[in-house]
Amino acid sequence: MQIQAVSIEDYISRIPEERQESFRKLFDTISNNLPEGFEENTGYGMVGWGVPLKTYPAGYHCTPGSPLPFINLASQKNFIALYHMGLYSTPELLDWFVSEYPKYSRKKLDMGKSCVRFKKVEDIPFELIAELSKKMTVQDWISVYESQYKK
């Protein structure tokens, strides 16, 4: 379920009311902990953060002329999804996250390649997401992206 929104506030206002507070808290947790240089945005039916074109003019190879995506949040039909490209592309970061998750949540980790799904808002491990958000700088992400995707 994609939400077409013109701003982050517009997006949040369109998600189910019972998720809005937790979604906002998750959004703020990431925003307050990301290293300097990432910018908030909307796109692909989600809200997120990416590397702006002023920092990385080459942009995203799949959508030329758009910022390089890094983290996105989406309110899906049955869950809130956190997409973190660093988890998808950096085995060490993925291993760290998978090993840390049980320390912050009693629920089993529900994860795809870069998508972490939270079916219940009370199960979102905000402290772990804050730590995850701090793990990669803009330059770290550009280096990983160029070494793995931009060939």
N, C-alpha and C. Protein backbone atom coordinates (compact mmCIF):
# COMPACT_ATOMS: atom_id res chain seq x y z
N MET A 1 0.84 -1.17 0.00
CA MET A 1 0.00 0.00 0.00
C MET A 1 0.89 1.24 0.00
N GLN A 2 0.90 1.94 -1.08
CA GLN A 2 1.69 3.16 -1.17
C GLN A 2 0.83 4.37 -0.81
N ILE A 3 1.42 5.27 -0.06
CA ILE A 3 0.74 6.51 0.29
C ILE A 3 1.41 7.61 -0.51
N GLN A 4 0.65 8.24 -1.38
CA GLN A 4 1.18 9.34 -2.16
C GLN A 4 1.01 10.62 -1.34
N ALA A 5 2.12 11.21 -0.97
CA ALA A 5 2.09 12.40 -0.12
C ALA A 5 3.06 13.44 -0.66
N VAL A 6 2.77 14.70 -0.37
CA VAL A 6 3.62 15.79 -0.85
C VAL A 6 4.64 16.22 0.19
N SER A 7 4.46 15.75 1.44
CA SER A 7 5.41 16.11 2.50
C SER A 7 5.38 15.00 3.55
N ILE A 8 6.31 15.07 4.46
CA ILE A 8 6.37 14.09 5.54
C ILE A 8 5.14 14.22 6.43
N GLU A 9 4.76 15.42 6.76
CA GLU A 9 3.56 15.62 7.59
C GLU A 9 2.32 15.10 6.87
N ASP A 10 2.22 15.33 5.59
CA ASP A 10 1.09 14.82 4.80
C ASP A 10 1.07 13.30 4.86
N TYR A 11 2.23 12.67 4.71
CA TYR A 11 2.31 11.21 4.77
C TYR A 11 1.81 10.70 6.12
N ILE A 12 2.34 11.26 7.19
CA ILE A 12 1.96 10.80 8.53
C ILE A 12 0.47 11.00 8.78
N SER A 13 -0.08 12.08 8.28
CA SER A 13 -1.52 12.33 8.48
C SER A 13 -2.39 11.32 7.74
N ARG A 14 -1.84 10.64 6.74
CA ARG A 14 -2.61 9.68 5.94
C ARG A 14 -2.52 8.24 6.44
N ILE A 15 -1.66 7.97 7.40
CA ILE A 15 -1.56 6.60 7.91
C ILE A 15 -2.63 6.40 8.99
N PRO A 16 -3.00 5.16 9.28
CA PRO A 16 -4.02 4.92 10.29
C PRO A 16 -3.69 5.63 11.61
N GLU A 17 -4.71 6.22 12.19
CA GLU A 17 -4.53 7.03 13.39
C GLU A 17 -3.83 6.27 14.52
N GLU A 18 -4.13 4.99 14.66
CA GLU A 18 -3.54 4.21 15.75
C GLU A 18 -2.03 3.99 15.57
N ARG A 19 -1.50 4.26 14.39
CA ARG A 19 -0.06 4.13 14.14
C ARG A 19 0.68 5.45 14.14
N GLN A 20 -0.03 6.54 14.04
CA GLN A 20 0.62 7.83 13.82
C GLN A 20 1.63 8.20 14.90
N GLU A 21 1.29 8.01 16.15
CA GLU A 21 2.19 8.40 17.24
C GLU A 21 3.48 7.57 17.21
N SER A 22 3.36 6.27 17.04
CA SER A 22 4.55 5.41 16.99
C SER A 22 5.36 5.65 15.73
N PHE A 23 4.67 5.88 14.61
CA PHE A 23 5.37 6.17 13.36
C PHE A 23 6.16 7.47 13.52
N ARG A 24 5.54 8.48 14.10
CA ARG A 24 6.22 9.76 14.33
C ARG A 24 7.43 9.56 15.24
N LYS A 25 7.27 8.76 16.29
CA LYS A 25 8.39 8.50 17.21
C LYS A 25 9.52 7.79 16.49
N LEU A 26 9.19 6.83 15.64
CA LEU A 26 10.22 6.13 14.86
C LEU A 26 10.91 7.09 13.91
N PHE A 27 10.13 7.92 13.23
CA PHE A 27 10.70 8.93 12.33
C PHE A 27 11.65 9.85 13.08
N ASP A 28 11.20 10.35 14.23
CA ASP A 28 12.03 11.27 15.02
C ASP A 28 13.28 10.57 15.57
N THR A 29 13.14 9.32 15.95
CA THR A 29 14.29 8.55 16.46
C THR A 29 15.39 8.49 15.40
N ILE A 30 15.00 8.19 14.19
CA ILE A 30 15.99 8.11 13.10
C ILE A 30 16.56 9.50 12.81
N SER A 31 15.68 10.48 12.64
CA SER A 31 16.14 11.85 12.33
C SER A 31 17.12 12.38 13.36
N ASN A 32 16.85 12.11 14.62
CA ASN A 32 17.68 12.65 15.69
C ASN A 32 19.00 11.91 15.87
N ASN A 33 19.16 10.78 15.21
CA ASN A 33 20.37 9.99 15.40
C ASN A 33 21.21 9.78 14.14
N LEU A 34 20.69 10.14 12.99
CA LEU A 34 21.48 10.02 11.76
C LEU A 34 22.66 10.99 11.78
N PRO A 35 23.79 10.57 11.27
CA PRO A 35 24.91 11.50 11.13
C PRO A 35 24.53 12.66 10.20
N GLU A 36 25.22 13.75 10.36
CA GLU A 36 24.97 14.93 9.55
C GLU A 36 25.13 14.64 8.07
N GLY A 37 24.29 15.26 7.26
CA GLY A 37 24.43 15.17 5.81
C GLY A 37 23.29 14.45 5.11
N PHE A 38 22.58 13.59 5.81
CA PHE A 38 21.41 12.96 5.21
C PHE A 38 20.26 13.97 5.25
N GLU A 39 19.39 13.90 4.24
CA GLU A 39 18.24 14.81 4.21
C GLU A 39 16.95 14.01 4.16
N GLU A 40 15.94 14.53 4.87
CA GLU A 40 14.61 13.94 4.85
C GLU A 40 13.98 14.14 3.47
N ASN A 41 13.15 13.16 3.08
CA ASN A 41 12.46 13.28 1.80
C ASN A 41 11.23 12.38 1.77
N THR A 42 10.47 12.51 0.71
CA THR A 42 9.38 11.59 0.42
C THR A 42 9.64 11.03 -0.97
N GLY A 43 9.25 9.81 -1.18
CA GLY A 43 9.41 9.19 -2.49
C GLY A 43 9.12 7.71 -2.41
N TYR A 44 8.79 7.14 -3.53
CA TYR A 44 8.50 5.70 -3.60
C TYR A 44 7.35 5.32 -2.67
N GLY A 45 6.45 6.27 -2.37
CA GLY A 45 5.34 6.00 -1.47
C GLY A 45 5.74 5.86 -0.03
N MET A 46 6.88 6.46 0.34
CA MET A 46 7.40 6.36 1.71
C MET A 46 8.01 7.70 2.12
N VAL A 47 8.38 7.78 3.39
CA VAL A 47 9.20 8.90 3.86
C VAL A 47 10.59 8.34 4.13
N GLY A 48 11.57 9.20 4.07
CA GLY A 48 12.90 8.66 4.30
C GLY A 48 13.99 9.70 4.35
N TRP A 49 15.20 9.19 4.25
CA TRP A 49 16.41 10.00 4.29
C TRP A 49 17.33 9.50 3.18
N GLY A 50 18.01 10.44 2.58
CA GLY A 50 18.94 10.06 1.53
C GLY A 50 20.09 11.05 1.46
N VAL A 51 20.97 10.78 0.53
CA VAL A 51 22.10 11.66 0.27
C VAL A 51 21.66 12.64 -0.81
N PRO A 52 21.62 13.93 -0.50
CA PRO A 52 21.13 14.90 -1.47
C PRO A 52 22.04 15.02 -2.69
N LEU A 53 21.46 15.48 -3.79
CA LEU A 53 22.21 15.64 -5.03
C LEU A 53 23.36 16.63 -4.89
N LYS A 54 23.22 17.61 -4.01
CA LYS A 54 24.32 18.57 -3.82
C LYS A 54 25.56 17.89 -3.25
N THR A 55 25.36 16.80 -2.51
CA THR A 55 26.47 16.04 -1.93
C THR A 55 26.93 14.94 -2.88
N TYR A 56 25.98 14.30 -3.54
CA TYR A 56 26.27 13.19 -4.44
C TYR A 56 25.52 13.42 -5.75
N PRO A 57 26.07 14.25 -6.65
CA PRO A 57 25.37 14.65 -7.88
C PRO A 57 24.98 13.48 -8.80
N ALA A 58 25.68 12.36 -8.71
CA ALA A 58 25.33 11.21 -9.56
C ALA A 58 23.96 10.66 -9.20
N GLY A 59 23.54 10.84 -7.96
CA GLY A 59 22.22 10.38 -7.54
C GLY A 59 22.06 8.88 -7.61
N TYR A 60 20.82 8.45 -7.58
CA TYR A 60 20.46 7.04 -7.54
C TYR A 60 20.42 6.47 -8.95
N HIS A 61 21.16 5.40 -9.20
CA HIS A 61 21.25 4.85 -10.55
C HIS A 61 19.91 4.33 -11.08
N CYS A 62 19.01 3.92 -10.22
CA CYS A 62 17.70 3.40 -10.66
C CYS A 62 16.73 4.52 -11.03
N THR A 63 16.94 5.69 -10.47
CA THR A 63 16.10 6.85 -10.75
C THR A 63 17.01 8.06 -10.92
N PRO A 64 17.64 8.17 -12.10
CA PRO A 64 18.58 9.28 -12.31
C PRO A 64 17.96 10.64 -11.97
N GLY A 65 18.77 11.48 -11.35
CA GLY A 65 18.30 12.80 -10.97
C GLY A 65 17.62 12.85 -9.61
N SER A 66 17.61 11.73 -8.91
CA SER A 66 17.01 11.72 -7.57
C SER A 66 18.07 11.43 -6.53
N PRO A 67 17.85 11.87 -5.29
CA PRO A 67 18.82 11.62 -4.22
C PRO A 67 19.06 10.12 -4.01
N LEU A 68 20.21 9.81 -3.49
CA LEU A 68 20.58 8.43 -3.19
C LEU A 68 19.86 8.00 -1.92
N PRO A 69 18.89 7.07 -2.00
CA PRO A 69 18.15 6.66 -0.80
C PRO A 69 19.02 5.90 0.18
N PHE A 70 18.68 6.04 1.45
CA PHE A 70 19.42 5.34 2.50
C PHE A 70 18.47 4.60 3.44
N ILE A 71 17.57 5.32 4.09
CA ILE A 71 16.58 4.71 4.98
C ILE A 71 15.20 5.22 4.58
N ASN A 72 14.23 4.31 4.57
CA ASN A 72 12.84 4.69 4.32
C ASN A 72 11.93 4.04 5.34
N LEU A 73 10.82 4.70 5.60
CA LEU A 73 9.77 4.16 6.47
C LEU A 73 8.47 4.13 5.67
N ALA A 74 7.72 3.07 5.86
CA ALA A 74 6.44 2.95 5.19
C ALA A 74 5.40 2.36 6.13
N SER A 75 4.20 2.85 6.00
CA SER A 75 3.08 2.24 6.71
C SER A 75 2.38 1.34 5.71
N GLN A 76 2.56 0.05 5.88
CA GLN A 76 1.92 -0.93 4.99
C GLN A 76 0.59 -1.37 5.61
N LYS A 77 -0.13 -2.22 4.92
CA LYS A 77 -1.43 -2.64 5.40
C LYS A 77 -1.37 -3.27 6.79
N ASN A 78 -0.40 -4.17 7.01
CA ASN A 78 -0.35 -4.92 8.26
C ASN A 78 0.88 -4.65 9.12
N PHE A 79 1.69 -3.69 8.75
CA PHE A 79 2.90 -3.43 9.52
C PHE A 79 3.52 -2.11 9.14
N ILE A 80 4.45 -1.67 9.98
CA ILE A 80 5.33 -0.54 9.65
C ILE A 80 6.63 -1.15 9.17
N ALA A 81 7.13 -0.66 8.06
CA ALA A 81 8.36 -1.19 7.48
C ALA A 81 9.48 -0.16 7.58
N LEU A 82 10.64 -0.65 7.97
CA LEU A 82 11.87 0.14 8.00
C LEU A 82 12.80 -0.46 6.95
N TYR A 83 13.13 0.32 5.94
CA TYR A 83 14.06 -0.11 4.89
C TYR A 83 15.38 0.59 5.13
N HIS A 84 16.43 -0.19 5.34
CA HIS A 84 17.75 0.37 5.62
C HIS A 84 18.73 -0.25 4.62
N MET A 85 19.18 0.57 3.68
CA MET A 85 20.05 0.04 2.62
C MET A 85 21.40 -0.42 3.16
N GLY A 86 21.83 0.11 4.27
CA GLY A 86 23.07 -0.35 4.88
C GLY A 86 22.98 -1.78 5.36
N LEU A 87 21.82 -2.17 5.88
CA LEU A 87 21.63 -3.57 6.30
C LEU A 87 21.70 -4.50 5.10
N TYR A 88 21.13 -4.04 3.99
CA TYR A 88 21.10 -4.84 2.77
C TYR A 88 22.48 -5.03 2.15
N SER A 89 23.33 -4.03 2.31
CA SER A 89 24.58 -4.02 1.56
C SER A 89 25.84 -4.20 2.40
N THR A 90 25.71 -4.26 3.71
CA THR A 90 26.88 -4.34 4.58
C THR A 90 26.72 -5.53 5.53
N PRO A 91 27.31 -6.67 5.22
CA PRO A 91 27.13 -7.86 6.06
C PRO A 91 27.47 -7.65 7.53
N GLU A 92 28.50 -6.87 7.81
CA GLU A 92 28.88 -6.64 9.20
C GLU A 92 27.78 -5.91 9.96
N LEU A 93 27.16 -4.93 9.31
CA LEU A 93 26.09 -4.18 9.94
C LEU A 93 24.87 -5.07 10.13
N LEU A 94 24.56 -5.89 9.16
CA LEU A 94 23.45 -6.83 9.28
C LEU A 94 23.69 -7.80 10.43
N ASP A 95 24.89 -8.35 10.52
CA ASP A 95 25.22 -9.28 11.60
C ASP A 95 25.07 -8.61 12.97
N TRP A 96 25.55 -7.37 13.06
CA TRP A 96 25.41 -6.63 14.31
C TRP A 96 23.93 -6.47 14.67
N PHE A 97 23.13 -6.04 13.72
CA PHE A 97 21.71 -5.79 13.97
C PHE A 97 20.99 -7.07 14.40
N VAL A 98 21.22 -8.16 13.68
CA VAL A 98 20.57 -9.43 14.00
C VAL A 98 20.97 -9.91 15.39
N SER A 99 22.23 -9.74 15.75
CA SER A 99 22.68 -10.19 17.08
C SER A 99 22.18 -9.28 18.20
N GLU A 100 22.00 -8.01 17.93
CA GLU A 100 21.53 -7.06 18.94
C GLU A 100 20.02 -7.10 19.13
N TYR A 101 19.29 -7.45 18.10
CA TYR A 101 17.82 -7.37 18.14
C TYR A 101 17.22 -8.08 19.36
N PRO A 102 17.62 -9.31 19.68
CA PRO A 102 17.01 -9.99 20.84
C PRO A 102 17.25 -9.28 22.17
N LYS A 103 18.25 -8.43 22.24
CA LYS A 103 18.52 -7.69 23.47
C LYS A 103 17.50 -6.56 23.68
N TYR A 104 16.80 -6.19 22.61
CA TYR A 104 15.87 -5.06 22.65
C TYR A 104 14.42 -5.47 22.45
N SER A 105 14.20 -6.71 22.03
CA SER A 105 12.83 -7.15 21.76
C SER A 105 12.66 -8.62 22.07
N ARG A 106 11.51 -8.95 22.64
CA ARG A 106 11.20 -10.36 22.89
C ARG A 106 10.57 -11.01 21.67
N LYS A 107 10.20 -10.20 20.69
CA LYS A 107 9.59 -10.72 19.46
C LYS A 107 10.67 -11.18 18.50
N LYS A 108 10.33 -12.19 17.72
CA LYS A 108 11.23 -12.68 16.68
C LYS A 108 11.43 -11.59 15.62
N LEU A 109 12.64 -11.44 15.16
CA LEU A 109 12.95 -10.48 14.11
C LEU A 109 12.23 -10.87 12.83
N ASP A 110 11.46 -9.96 12.28
CA ASP A 110 10.72 -10.17 11.02
C ASP A 110 11.39 -9.29 9.98
N MET A 111 12.22 -9.91 9.15
CA MET A 111 13.08 -9.13 8.27
C MET A 111 13.23 -9.78 6.91
N GLY A 112 13.26 -8.93 5.88
CA GLY A 112 13.63 -9.33 4.53
C GLY A 112 15.06 -8.89 4.29
N LYS A 113 15.43 -8.63 3.04
CA LYS A 113 16.82 -8.25 2.75
C LYS A 113 17.19 -6.89 3.33
N SER A 114 16.32 -5.92 3.21
CA SER A 114 16.60 -4.62 3.82
C SER A 114 15.42 -4.12 4.63
N CYS A 115 14.36 -4.88 4.70
CA CYS A 115 13.12 -4.46 5.32
C CYS A 115 12.94 -5.13 6.68
N VAL A 116 12.75 -4.32 7.71
CA VAL A 116 12.42 -4.82 9.03
C VAL A 116 10.94 -4.47 9.24
N ARG A 117 10.13 -5.48 9.55
CA ARG A 117 8.69 -5.27 9.69
C ARG A 117 8.29 -5.29 11.16
N PHE A 118 7.47 -4.30 11.54
CA PHE A 118 6.94 -4.21 12.89
C PHE A 118 5.43 -4.31 12.80
N LYS A 119 4.88 -5.48 13.18
CA LYS A 119 3.43 -5.70 13.08
C LYS A 119 2.66 -5.01 14.20
N LYS A 120 3.30 -4.84 15.34
CA LYS A 120 2.67 -4.14 16.46
C LYS A 120 3.56 -2.97 16.86
N VAL A 121 2.96 -1.81 16.98
CA VAL A 121 3.75 -0.62 17.29
C VAL A 121 4.46 -0.72 18.63
N GLU A 122 3.89 -1.46 19.55
CA GLU A 122 4.53 -1.60 20.87
C GLU A 122 5.78 -2.47 20.81
N ASP A 123 6.03 -3.12 19.68
CA ASP A 123 7.21 -3.98 19.53
C ASP A 123 8.38 -3.29 18.83
N ILE A 124 8.26 -2.02 18.53
CA ILE A 124 9.35 -1.31 17.85
C ILE A 124 10.46 -1.03 18.86
N PRO A 125 11.67 -1.53 18.60
CA PRO A 125 12.80 -1.30 19.52
C PRO A 125 13.49 0.05 19.23
N PHE A 126 12.91 1.13 19.73
CA PHE A 126 13.38 2.47 19.39
C PHE A 126 14.85 2.69 19.74
N GLU A 127 15.31 2.16 20.86
CA GLU A 127 16.72 2.34 21.25
C GLU A 127 17.65 1.67 20.24
N LEU A 128 17.29 0.49 19.78
CA LEU A 128 18.11 -0.21 18.79
C LEU A 128 18.11 0.54 17.46
N ILE A 129 16.95 1.06 17.06
CA ILE A 129 16.87 1.82 15.82
C ILE A 129 17.71 3.09 15.92
N ALA A 130 17.75 3.70 17.10
CA ALA A 130 18.61 4.87 17.30
C ALA A 130 20.07 4.50 17.09
N GLU A 131 20.49 3.38 17.66
CA GLU A 131 21.88 2.93 17.49
C GLU A 131 22.18 2.59 16.03
N LEU A 132 21.26 1.91 15.38
CA LEU A 132 21.43 1.57 13.96
C LEU A 132 21.59 2.83 13.12
N SER A 133 20.81 3.84 13.42
CA SER A 133 20.83 5.10 12.66
C SER A 133 22.19 5.79 12.73
N LYS A 134 22.93 5.57 13.79
CA LYS A 134 24.24 6.22 13.99
C LYS A 134 25.38 5.51 13.26
N LYS A 135 25.15 4.31 12.78
CA LYS A 135 26.22 3.42 12.33
C LYS A 135 26.89 3.79 11.01
N MET A 136 26.21 4.51 10.11
CA MET A 136 26.80 4.84 8.81
C MET A 136 26.72 6.33 8.54
N THR A 137 27.84 6.90 8.14
CA THR A 137 27.85 8.30 7.72
C THR A 137 27.48 8.38 6.25
N VAL A 138 27.27 9.60 5.80
CA VAL A 138 26.99 9.81 4.38
C VAL A 138 28.13 9.24 3.54
N GLN A 139 29.36 9.53 3.92
CA GLN A 139 30.50 9.05 3.14
C GLN A 139 30.60 7.53 3.19
N ASP A 140 30.31 6.92 4.35
CA ASP A 140 30.29 5.45 4.44
C ASP A 140 29.30 4.89 3.42
N TRP A 141 28.09 5.47 3.39
CA TRP A 141 27.05 4.95 2.50
C TRP A 141 27.43 5.15 1.03
N ILE A 142 27.97 6.29 0.68
CA ILE A 142 28.40 6.53 -0.70
C ILE A 142 29.46 5.51 -1.10
N SER A 143 30.41 5.26 -0.22
CA SER A 143 31.47 4.29 -0.53
C SER A 143 30.92 2.89 -0.74
N VAL A 144 30.01 2.46 0.13
CA VAL A 144 29.40 1.14 -0.03
C VAL A 144 28.60 1.09 -1.33
N TYR A 145 27.81 2.11 -1.58
CA TYR A 145 26.98 2.18 -2.78
C TYR A 145 27.84 2.10 -4.04
N GLU A 146 28.90 2.89 -4.08
CA GLU A 146 29.75 2.89 -5.28
C GLU A 146 30.48 1.57 -5.46
N SER A 147 30.86 0.94 -4.38
CA SER A 147 31.61 -0.32 -4.51
C SER A 147 30.70 -1.48 -4.90
N GLN A 148 29.42 -1.41 -4.56
CA GLN A 148 28.54 -2.55 -4.82
C GLN A 148 27.51 -2.34 -5.91
N TYR A 149 27.05 -1.13 -6.11
CA TYR A 149 25.95 -0.92 -7.03
C TYR A 149 26.31 -0.08 -8.24
N LYS A 150 27.26 0.75 -8.12
CA LYS A 150 27.59 1.71 -9.17
C LYS A 150 28.80 1.20 -9.94
N LYS A 151 28.60 0.17 -10.74
CA LYS A 151 29.72 -0.42 -11.47
C LYS A 151 29.73 0.02 -12.91
